[in-house]
Amino acid sequence: MTVKINEYYLLLKGNYIFAEIAERVENYQTEHPQANIIKMGIGDVNKPLTHAVIREFQNAVKEMSKADTFHGYGPEQGYQFLIEEIIKNEYKPRGIELNENEVFISDGAKCDTGNIQEIFSLNNKVAVTDPVYPVYVDSNVMAGRTGSMNKDGRYQNLTYLPCTEENKFVPELPNSNIDLIYLCYPNNPTGTTLNKEQLREWVDYAKDNKSIILFDAAYEAYIQEKNIPHSIYEIEGARDVAVEFRSFSKNAGFTGTRCAYTVVPEEIMGYDVHGHTHPLNSLWKRRQTTKFNGVSYPVQKAAMAVYSSEGKNEIKELINYYMKNSAVIRESLKNIGLNVYGGVNSPYIWTKIPKNMNSWDFFDLLLDKAHIVGTPGVGFGPSGEGYLRLSAFNTLKNTKEAMERISNLSF
C-alpha cells in the first residue's frame, strides 16, 4: 500500500502569487544587495498597533499570568465581549440587527473565505469575479470543485465574471444559475466598489436563483463615498442570501496578531439532495467547533479596544494616513499618463500597464529599474493581465519616493 495524495492540489498552477513575488524579490535582493527596494505589492500594513490596542493587549497578557484571571480554551465562536462590540459599532449604526450567535470570531478573513466552501457540496456551481483574490479560486481547486485549468488560464468548472475597463470593473450578472458567488468590495485587487443599487442587483439575483453570496468586506473601513455600502446587509433581503467576512487586519493593523469575524445570519439556508433546508449558521458553527479552537483571549481583548473612544480616533488616523498614500499614488500615476482605478474607497490602486506590456514583464521592469515591488495583475486571473496593483500600505516617505522613481522612468 502507498499513501495517496489529494490530487486536486496538482491542478494548482504555479506558486501562490505572493509567494512567487517574495521569491523573485529575495533573489533580486541577493543579486543586488545595495538596492533600496520599496515594497508596494503585498497588502500588509506597516504602522504599529495603536496605543489603545497595545494597552489592552498588555493588560490581557498580564491577566494570563495570574491564576484567578487566567484564560484557557475560550469559546470557539468568540468571546461575548468582542461580539457585542462588533454588533454595537459595526452594524447597529447602519440599521442592521444581528444576534450574537450570528457572529463568529476567527483568525483571518483569508482563512474563513478559504474554509467556508467546506460546508457546501462539490456539485455547486461557483462564480468569481475576474480578476479575483486568489484564495477564492485556489480553495475550490483544492476541494475538487473546479476541474483542470484551460489554456486561457481559467478553470473548467468555474464561472468567471470579467471586470475590465470596458464594463468599468462592474461584473455582469451570470446568464445561468450559479450557486455560490464570491464578491469582494471594496475590491481586491482593483480597488473599485459597487454602489447600493449595483449590489442590490446581486442580492435580487441570489434570491431569485436560491444562490448564496460570499461577501468579503475586509476593506470596508476605507470607504469614503456615501453611496457605497459598508455591509451587504444594508441591502434589503441580504440576510437571506449572504455571508459576510470582515477583518481587523487592514483597518487596525492586526495582520501579525490575527483577528477577524464572519457573519452567518440565521435565515440563510442551504439544501440537501432531498430539497430539505438546513441553516448555514449551524453548519458553520459545527465546522468551527470541530476544526478551530478560537482566537486567543489577549488578541480579542486588543480587538475590543478598537471600539473604545481612543481606539476609534486612532483607527481613523490610520485609515487617513493610508488613504493619503493612496491619493499620492493615484495622482502621480495619472500625471504620467497612466489609466488608474481604485484608491478612492480602497488602499489599492489598479493601473493599466503602458505599451501593452504583460504583467510580469512590467513587474520585472519596476523591480530592476526603480527597485519597486508591485503585484502583477495576471496573478489575480486572466482579466488582470496588462494591469498592476500597487498598495498604499507603506510610509508616506516611501510612497512619495516610489512615485518619484516611477515618474522618472521612460515607458
Protein backbone atom coordinates (compact mmCIF):
# COMPACT_ATOMS: atom_id res chain seq x y z
CA MET A 1 0.00 0.00 0.00
CA THR A 2 1.16 3.54 -0.71
CA VAL A 3 -0.06 6.84 0.67
CA LYS A 4 -2.29 8.65 -1.82
CA ILE A 5 -2.29 12.43 -2.06
CA ASN A 6 -5.13 14.82 -2.76
CA GLU A 7 -4.51 15.09 -6.49
CA TYR A 8 -6.66 18.20 -6.78
CA TYR A 9 -3.66 20.09 -5.39
CA LEU A 10 -1.82 19.13 -8.57
CA LEU A 11 -4.32 21.17 -10.56
CA LEU A 12 -2.99 24.38 -8.98
CA LYS A 13 -0.74 26.22 -11.39
CA GLY A 14 2.49 27.75 -10.09
CA ASN A 15 3.05 29.30 -6.69
CA TYR A 16 0.55 31.33 -4.75
CA ILE A 17 1.05 34.79 -6.28
CA PHE A 18 2.51 36.45 -3.17
CA ALA A 19 4.89 33.55 -2.56
CA GLU A 20 6.11 33.93 -6.16
CA ILE A 21 6.65 37.66 -5.65
CA ALA A 22 8.55 37.09 -2.41
CA GLU A 23 10.82 34.56 -4.10
CA ARG A 24 11.58 36.88 -7.02
CA VAL A 25 12.29 39.83 -4.74
CA GLU A 26 14.52 37.74 -2.49
CA ASN A 27 16.54 36.53 -5.48
CA TYR A 28 16.87 40.07 -6.82
CA GLN A 29 17.94 41.43 -3.44
CA THR A 30 20.58 38.69 -3.14
CA GLU A 31 21.98 39.63 -6.55
CA HIS A 32 21.72 43.37 -5.82
CA PRO A 33 22.36 43.78 -2.08
CA GLN A 34 22.66 47.58 -2.34
CA ALA A 35 19.24 48.04 -3.92
CA ASN A 36 16.81 50.01 -1.75
CA ILE A 37 13.63 48.11 -2.61
CA ILE A 38 10.28 49.69 -1.79
CA LYS A 39 7.61 47.02 -1.45
CA MET A 40 4.13 48.04 -2.61
CA GLY A 41 2.91 44.58 -3.56
CA ILE A 42 1.52 42.56 -0.69
CA GLY A 43 -1.29 44.20 1.25
CA ASP A 44 0.45 44.20 4.61
CA VAL A 45 0.20 47.24 6.85
CA ASN A 46 3.36 48.84 8.22
CA LYS A 47 2.03 51.05 11.00
CA PRO A 48 2.28 49.53 14.51
CA LEU A 49 -0.72 48.64 16.64
CA THR A 50 -2.21 51.74 18.23
CA HIS A 51 -1.78 52.81 21.87
CA ALA A 52 -5.29 51.80 22.92
CA VAL A 53 -4.91 48.37 21.32
CA ILE A 54 -1.47 47.72 22.80
CA ARG A 55 -2.55 48.82 26.26
CA GLU A 56 -5.49 46.40 26.28
CA PHE A 57 -3.30 43.69 24.78
CA GLN A 58 -0.73 44.10 27.55
CA ASN A 59 -3.40 44.15 30.27
CA ALA A 60 -4.86 40.92 28.91
CA VAL A 61 -1.43 39.27 28.83
CA LYS A 62 -0.96 40.24 32.47
CA GLU A 63 -4.30 38.60 33.25
CA MET A 64 -2.93 35.40 31.76
CA SER A 65 -0.10 35.43 34.33
CA LYS A 66 -2.43 35.18 37.34
CA ALA A 67 -4.36 32.12 38.39
CA ASP A 68 -7.59 33.98 39.16
CA THR A 69 -7.68 35.77 35.78
CA PHE A 70 -6.05 33.15 33.56
CA HIS A 71 -7.95 32.05 30.44
CA GLY A 72 -7.54 28.67 28.80
CA TYR A 73 -9.66 27.49 25.91
CA GLY A 74 -12.13 30.18 25.01
CA PRO A 75 -15.43 29.78 23.15
CA GLU A 76 -14.74 28.70 19.57
CA GLN A 77 -17.22 31.26 18.28
CA GLY A 78 -15.51 34.09 20.15
CA TYR A 79 -15.85 35.90 23.45
CA GLN A 80 -19.14 37.65 24.00
CA PHE A 81 -17.45 40.95 24.94
CA LEU A 82 -15.99 41.30 21.42
CA ILE A 83 -19.07 40.07 19.59
CA GLU A 84 -21.21 42.62 21.44
CA GLU A 85 -18.86 45.47 20.46
CA ILE A 86 -18.83 44.38 16.82
CA ILE A 87 -22.63 44.39 16.61
CA LYS A 88 -22.92 47.65 18.51
CA ASN A 89 -20.32 49.56 16.48
CA GLU A 90 -20.27 47.99 13.02
CA TYR A 91 -23.89 47.05 12.36
CA LYS A 92 -26.40 48.85 14.60
CA PRO A 93 -25.34 52.34 13.39
CA ARG A 94 -26.24 51.18 9.86
CA GLY A 95 -29.64 49.90 10.91
CA ILE A 96 -28.57 46.24 10.80
CA GLU A 97 -29.78 43.94 13.55
CA LEU A 98 -27.67 40.87 14.35
CA ASN A 99 -27.90 38.23 17.03
CA GLU A 100 -24.75 37.33 18.92
CA ASN A 101 -24.83 33.77 17.62
CA GLU A 102 -24.58 35.10 14.05
CA VAL A 103 -21.06 36.49 14.55
CA PHE A 104 -18.07 34.13 14.53
CA ILE A 105 -14.65 35.44 15.62
CA SER A 106 -11.75 33.95 13.67
CA ASP A 107 -8.06 34.39 12.92
CA GLY A 108 -8.49 35.92 9.48
CA ALA A 109 -10.85 36.64 6.62
CA LYS A 110 -8.44 34.77 4.35
CA CYS A 111 -8.94 31.64 6.46
CA ASP A 112 -12.71 31.99 6.57
CA THR A 113 -13.16 32.70 2.85
CA GLY A 114 -10.98 29.69 2.14
CA ASN A 115 -12.72 27.40 4.64
CA ILE A 116 -16.35 28.36 4.03
CA GLN A 117 -16.52 26.21 0.91
CA GLU A 118 -16.21 23.09 3.10
CA ILE A 119 -19.84 23.29 4.15
CA PHE A 120 -21.08 23.20 0.55
CA SER A 121 -21.45 20.31 -1.89
CA LEU A 122 -18.79 19.77 -4.54
CA ASN A 123 -21.60 19.84 -7.11
CA ASN A 124 -22.31 23.53 -6.61
CA LYS A 125 -21.61 25.93 -9.47
CA VAL A 126 -19.23 28.68 -8.37
CA ALA A 127 -18.72 32.16 -9.82
CA VAL A 128 -15.83 34.53 -9.14
CA THR A 129 -15.06 37.99 -10.40
CA ASP A 130 -12.01 38.17 -12.69
CA PRO A 131 -9.56 39.49 -11.53
CA VAL A 132 -10.11 37.91 -8.12
CA TYR A 133 -8.46 37.37 -4.74
CA PRO A 134 -6.69 34.03 -5.43
CA VAL A 135 -7.87 32.27 -2.25
CA TYR A 136 -11.44 32.01 -3.55
CA VAL A 137 -10.27 30.10 -6.61
CA ASP A 138 -7.47 28.04 -5.09
CA SER A 139 -9.53 26.74 -2.17
CA ASN A 140 -12.17 25.46 -4.58
CA VAL A 141 -9.49 23.86 -6.74
CA MET A 142 -8.08 22.08 -3.69
CA ALA A 143 -11.55 20.83 -2.78
CA GLY A 144 -12.10 19.34 -6.23
CA ARG A 145 -14.85 21.65 -7.40
CA THR A 146 -13.19 23.20 -10.47
CA GLY A 147 -11.65 20.67 -12.82
CA SER A 148 -8.43 21.43 -14.71
CA MET A 149 -7.23 24.80 -15.95
CA ASN A 150 -7.84 25.62 -19.60
CA LYS A 151 -5.22 27.20 -21.84
CA ASP A 152 -6.79 30.61 -21.26
CA GLY A 153 -5.93 30.41 -17.54
CA ARG A 154 -9.48 29.69 -16.40
CA TYR A 155 -10.59 26.55 -14.60
CA GLN A 156 -13.12 24.41 -16.45
CA ASN A 157 -15.95 24.36 -13.92
CA LEU A 158 -15.68 27.91 -12.59
CA THR A 159 -17.74 30.77 -13.94
CA TYR A 160 -15.61 33.89 -14.41
CA LEU A 161 -17.19 37.34 -14.29
CA PRO A 162 -14.79 39.70 -16.09
CA CYS A 163 -14.16 43.11 -14.53
CA THR A 164 -12.48 45.30 -17.11
CA GLU A 165 -12.14 48.88 -18.25
CA GLU A 166 -14.92 48.21 -20.74
CA ASN A 167 -17.51 47.42 -18.03
CA LYS A 168 -15.98 49.87 -15.54
CA PHE A 169 -14.96 46.91 -13.37
CA VAL A 170 -18.59 46.13 -12.54
CA PRO A 171 -19.26 42.40 -13.10
CA GLU A 172 -22.30 41.42 -15.09
CA LEU A 173 -24.88 39.10 -13.57
CA PRO A 174 -24.43 35.47 -14.68
CA ASN A 175 -26.60 34.37 -17.60
CA SER A 176 -27.15 31.00 -15.95
CA ASN A 177 -27.92 29.69 -12.47
CA ILE A 178 -24.96 29.96 -10.09
CA ASP A 179 -24.98 28.51 -6.57
CA LEU A 180 -22.05 30.25 -4.85
CA ILE A 181 -20.95 33.77 -5.76
CA TYR A 182 -17.77 35.33 -4.36
CA LEU A 183 -17.87 39.13 -4.20
CA CYS A 184 -15.23 41.37 -2.62
CA TYR A 185 -15.99 45.08 -2.17
CA PRO A 186 -14.14 47.34 -1.90
CA ASN A 187 -12.47 45.06 -4.37
CA ASN A 188 -9.14 43.35 -4.02
CA PRO A 189 -7.29 43.78 -6.36
CA THR A 190 -8.93 46.57 -8.42
CA GLY A 191 -9.81 48.88 -5.51
CA THR A 192 -13.18 49.58 -7.14
CA THR A 193 -16.61 49.42 -5.47
CA LEU A 194 -20.27 48.68 -6.04
CA ASN A 195 -22.88 51.23 -5.02
CA LYS A 196 -26.09 50.19 -3.28
CA GLU A 197 -28.08 49.93 -6.49
CA GLN A 198 -25.48 47.68 -8.10
CA LEU A 199 -25.18 45.47 -5.03
CA ARG A 200 -28.97 45.23 -4.80
CA GLU A 201 -28.96 43.58 -8.25
CA TRP A 202 -26.75 40.82 -6.88
CA VAL A 203 -28.94 40.28 -3.84
CA ASP A 204 -32.00 40.10 -6.08
CA TYR A 205 -30.24 37.61 -8.37
CA ALA A 206 -29.29 35.45 -5.38
CA LYS A 207 -32.86 35.47 -4.07
CA ASP A 208 -34.30 34.63 -7.49
CA ASN A 209 -31.86 31.76 -8.06
CA LYS A 210 -31.52 30.49 -4.48
CA SER A 211 -27.84 31.39 -4.64
CA ILE A 212 -25.53 32.32 -1.78
CA ILE A 213 -23.23 35.35 -1.89
CA LEU A 214 -19.92 35.07 -0.06
CA PHE A 215 -19.23 38.75 0.54
CA ASP A 216 -15.69 39.76 1.53
CA ALA A 217 -15.82 43.22 3.13
CA ALA A 218 -12.30 43.21 4.57
CA TYR A 219 -11.62 46.75 3.28
CA GLU A 220 -14.92 48.43 4.20
CA ALA A 221 -13.19 50.80 6.67
CA TYR A 222 -11.59 52.60 3.70
CA ILE A 223 -14.88 53.58 2.09
CA GLN A 224 -15.10 57.37 1.73
CA GLU A 225 -18.12 57.91 -0.53
CA LYS A 226 -21.64 57.94 0.85
CA ASN A 227 -23.49 55.66 -1.58
CA ILE A 228 -21.07 52.77 -1.12
CA PRO A 229 -22.40 50.12 1.29
CA HIS A 230 -20.09 49.07 4.12
CA SER A 231 -22.04 45.85 4.61
CA ILE A 232 -24.11 43.77 2.23
CA TYR A 233 -26.76 43.68 4.95
CA GLU A 234 -27.55 47.31 4.15
CA ILE A 235 -29.40 45.81 1.19
CA GLU A 236 -32.90 44.55 1.96
CA GLY A 237 -33.13 40.78 1.79
CA ALA A 238 -29.38 40.16 2.05
CA ARG A 239 -29.76 38.30 5.33
CA ASP A 240 -31.47 35.52 3.36
CA VAL A 241 -28.65 35.05 0.85
CA ALA A 242 -25.31 36.43 2.07
CA VAL A 243 -22.44 35.52 4.37
CA GLU A 244 -20.15 38.45 5.22
CA PHE A 245 -16.45 38.38 6.08
CA ARG A 246 -14.71 41.18 8.00
CA SER A 247 -11.22 41.66 9.40
CA PHE A 248 -9.22 43.71 11.89
CA SER A 249 -6.11 43.27 9.76
CA LYS A 250 -6.32 46.20 7.37
CA ASN A 251 -8.18 48.76 9.46
CA ALA A 252 -6.43 48.17 12.81
CA GLY A 253 -3.15 46.57 11.76
CA PHE A 254 -3.85 43.04 13.04
CA THR A 255 -2.02 41.31 10.18
CA GLY A 256 0.51 39.99 12.71
CA THR A 257 -1.90 39.30 15.57
CA ARG A 258 -4.76 37.76 13.55
CA CYS A 259 -8.37 38.59 14.30
CA ALA A 260 -11.43 38.71 12.07
CA TYR A 261 -15.07 37.69 12.05
CA THR A 262 -17.68 36.16 9.80
CA VAL A 263 -21.41 36.87 9.92
CA VAL A 264 -23.75 33.99 9.09
CA PRO A 265 -27.40 35.05 9.51
CA GLU A 266 -29.86 32.52 10.90
CA GLU A 267 -32.14 32.99 7.88
CA ILE A 268 -29.65 31.82 5.25
CA MET A 269 -30.30 28.25 4.15
CA GLY A 270 -28.71 25.52 2.10
CA TYR A 271 -30.39 22.42 0.65
CA ASP A 272 -29.69 18.71 0.86
CA VAL A 273 -30.21 16.26 -2.03
CA HIS A 274 -33.83 15.82 -1.00
CA GLY A 275 -34.55 19.54 -1.14
CA HIS A 276 -34.76 19.97 2.62
CA THR A 277 -33.39 23.23 4.04
CA HIS A 278 -30.58 23.47 6.60
CA PRO A 279 -29.32 26.66 8.29
CA LEU A 280 -25.77 27.54 7.28
CA ASN A 281 -25.29 29.10 10.70
CA SER A 282 -25.46 25.65 12.31
CA LEU A 283 -23.18 24.08 9.70
CA TRP A 284 -20.53 26.80 10.07
CA LYS A 285 -20.71 26.56 13.85
CA ARG A 286 -20.20 22.80 13.61
CA ARG A 287 -17.24 23.29 11.32
CA GLN A 288 -15.62 25.89 13.57
CA THR A 289 -16.14 24.00 16.82
CA THR A 290 -14.60 20.91 15.23
CA LYS A 291 -11.62 22.45 13.45
CA PHE A 292 -10.92 25.73 15.25
CA ASN A 293 -10.07 26.46 18.87
CA GLY A 294 -10.74 30.18 18.74
CA VAL A 295 -8.68 33.37 18.77
CA SER A 296 -6.62 33.96 21.91
CA TYR A 297 -8.07 35.96 24.78
CA PRO A 298 -5.42 38.74 24.64
CA VAL A 299 -5.98 39.25 20.91
CA GLN A 300 -9.75 39.51 21.32
CA LYS A 301 -9.33 41.99 24.17
CA ALA A 302 -7.00 44.00 21.95
CA ALA A 303 -9.58 43.93 19.15
CA MET A 304 -12.24 45.18 21.55
CA ALA A 305 -10.07 48.25 22.20
CA VAL A 306 -10.59 49.27 18.59
CA TYR A 307 -14.12 50.30 19.64
CA SER A 308 -13.10 52.49 22.57
CA SER A 309 -13.25 56.26 22.03
CA GLU A 310 -9.47 56.43 21.90
CA GLY A 311 -9.29 53.39 19.65
CA LYS A 312 -11.79 54.81 17.16
CA ASN A 313 -9.79 58.03 16.84
CA GLU A 314 -6.55 56.12 16.37
CA ILE A 315 -8.04 53.85 13.71
CA LYS A 316 -9.42 56.86 11.88
CA GLU A 317 -5.89 58.33 11.82
CA LEU A 318 -4.50 55.08 10.42
CA ILE A 319 -7.11 54.97 7.65
CA ASN A 320 -6.49 58.63 6.77
CA TYR A 321 -2.75 58.02 6.64
CA TYR A 322 -3.02 55.15 4.19
CA MET A 323 -5.64 56.97 2.12
CA LYS A 324 -3.25 59.91 1.80
CA ASN A 325 -0.71 57.47 0.40
CA SER A 326 -3.39 56.22 -1.95
CA ALA A 327 -4.06 59.73 -3.22
CA VAL A 328 -0.34 60.29 -3.82
CA ILE A 329 -0.15 57.11 -5.90
CA ARG A 330 -3.28 57.89 -7.90
CA GLU A 331 -2.27 61.43 -8.79
CA SER A 332 1.33 60.53 -9.58
CA LEU A 333 0.36 57.75 -11.97
CA LYS A 334 -2.28 59.92 -13.62
CA ASN A 335 0.26 62.70 -14.09
CA ILE A 336 2.48 60.44 -16.18
CA GLY A 337 -0.46 59.43 -18.36
CA LEU A 338 -1.44 56.05 -16.94
CA ASN A 339 -5.05 54.88 -16.59
CA VAL A 340 -5.69 54.49 -12.87
CA TYR A 341 -8.55 52.88 -10.97
CA GLY A 342 -9.40 52.30 -7.32
CA GLY A 343 -7.70 54.12 -4.49
CA VAL A 344 -10.74 56.28 -3.65
CA ASN A 345 -12.53 53.86 -1.32
CA SER A 346 -9.68 51.40 -1.04
CA PRO A 347 -5.95 51.20 -0.24
CA TYR A 348 -5.34 49.50 -3.60
CA ILE A 349 -4.59 51.21 -6.91
CA TRP A 350 -5.10 49.29 -10.13
CA THR A 351 -3.24 50.71 -13.10
CA LYS A 352 -3.16 49.86 -16.78
CA ILE A 353 0.35 48.90 -17.86
CA PRO A 354 1.71 51.07 -20.70
CA LYS A 355 2.63 49.91 -24.21
CA ASN A 356 0.78 46.60 -23.92
CA MET A 357 3.49 45.09 -21.74
CA ASN A 358 2.47 41.96 -19.87
CA SER A 359 2.17 41.98 -16.10
CA TRP A 360 5.29 40.05 -15.16
CA ASP A 361 7.48 41.99 -17.61
CA PHE A 362 6.30 45.25 -16.05
CA PHE A 363 6.86 43.79 -12.58
CA ASP A 364 10.47 42.97 -13.56
CA LEU A 365 10.96 46.40 -15.11
CA LEU A 366 9.83 48.21 -11.96
CA LEU A 367 11.95 45.97 -9.76
CA ASP A 368 15.08 46.30 -11.91
CA LYS A 369 14.87 49.96 -12.96
CA ALA A 370 13.09 51.54 -9.98
CA HIS A 371 13.53 48.95 -7.19
CA ILE A 372 9.77 48.94 -6.61
CA VAL A 373 7.62 45.87 -6.00
CA GLY A 374 4.04 45.79 -7.25
CA THR A 375 1.69 42.87 -7.84
CA PRO A 376 1.24 41.65 -11.44
CA GLY A 377 -2.42 41.77 -12.35
CA VAL A 378 -2.36 38.38 -14.06
CA GLY A 379 -1.73 36.82 -10.65
CA PHE A 380 -5.38 37.64 -9.88
CA GLY A 381 -6.77 35.98 -13.00
CA PRO A 382 -6.73 36.23 -16.80
CA SER A 383 -8.60 39.56 -16.87
CA GLY A 384 -5.84 41.01 -14.70
CA GLU A 385 -3.28 40.67 -17.47
CA GLY A 386 -2.00 44.07 -18.52
CA TYR A 387 -2.53 45.62 -15.08
CA LEU A 388 -0.52 46.18 -11.92
CA ARG A 389 -1.76 46.53 -8.35
CA LEU A 390 0.00 48.93 -6.00
CA SER A 391 -0.69 49.04 -2.27
CA ALA A 392 -0.94 52.18 -0.14
CA PHE A 393 0.28 50.24 2.90
CA ASN A 394 3.65 51.93 3.30
CA THR A 395 5.13 55.07 4.79
CA LEU A 396 4.29 58.38 3.17
CA LYS A 397 8.00 58.96 2.63
CA ASN A 398 8.44 55.66 0.79
CA THR A 399 5.26 56.23 -1.20
CA LYS A 400 6.47 59.61 -2.45
CA GLU A 401 9.91 58.19 -3.21
CA ALA A 402 8.40 55.30 -5.14
CA MET A 403 6.21 57.59 -7.22
CA GLU A 404 9.20 59.83 -7.99
CA ARG A 405 11.13 56.80 -9.21
CA ILE A 406 8.28 55.67 -11.42
CA SER A 407 7.82 59.19 -12.79
CA ASN A 408 11.47 59.21 -13.86
CA LEU A 409 11.10 56.02 -15.91
CA SER A 410 10.65 56.08 -19.66
CA PHE A 411 7.81 53.90 -20.88
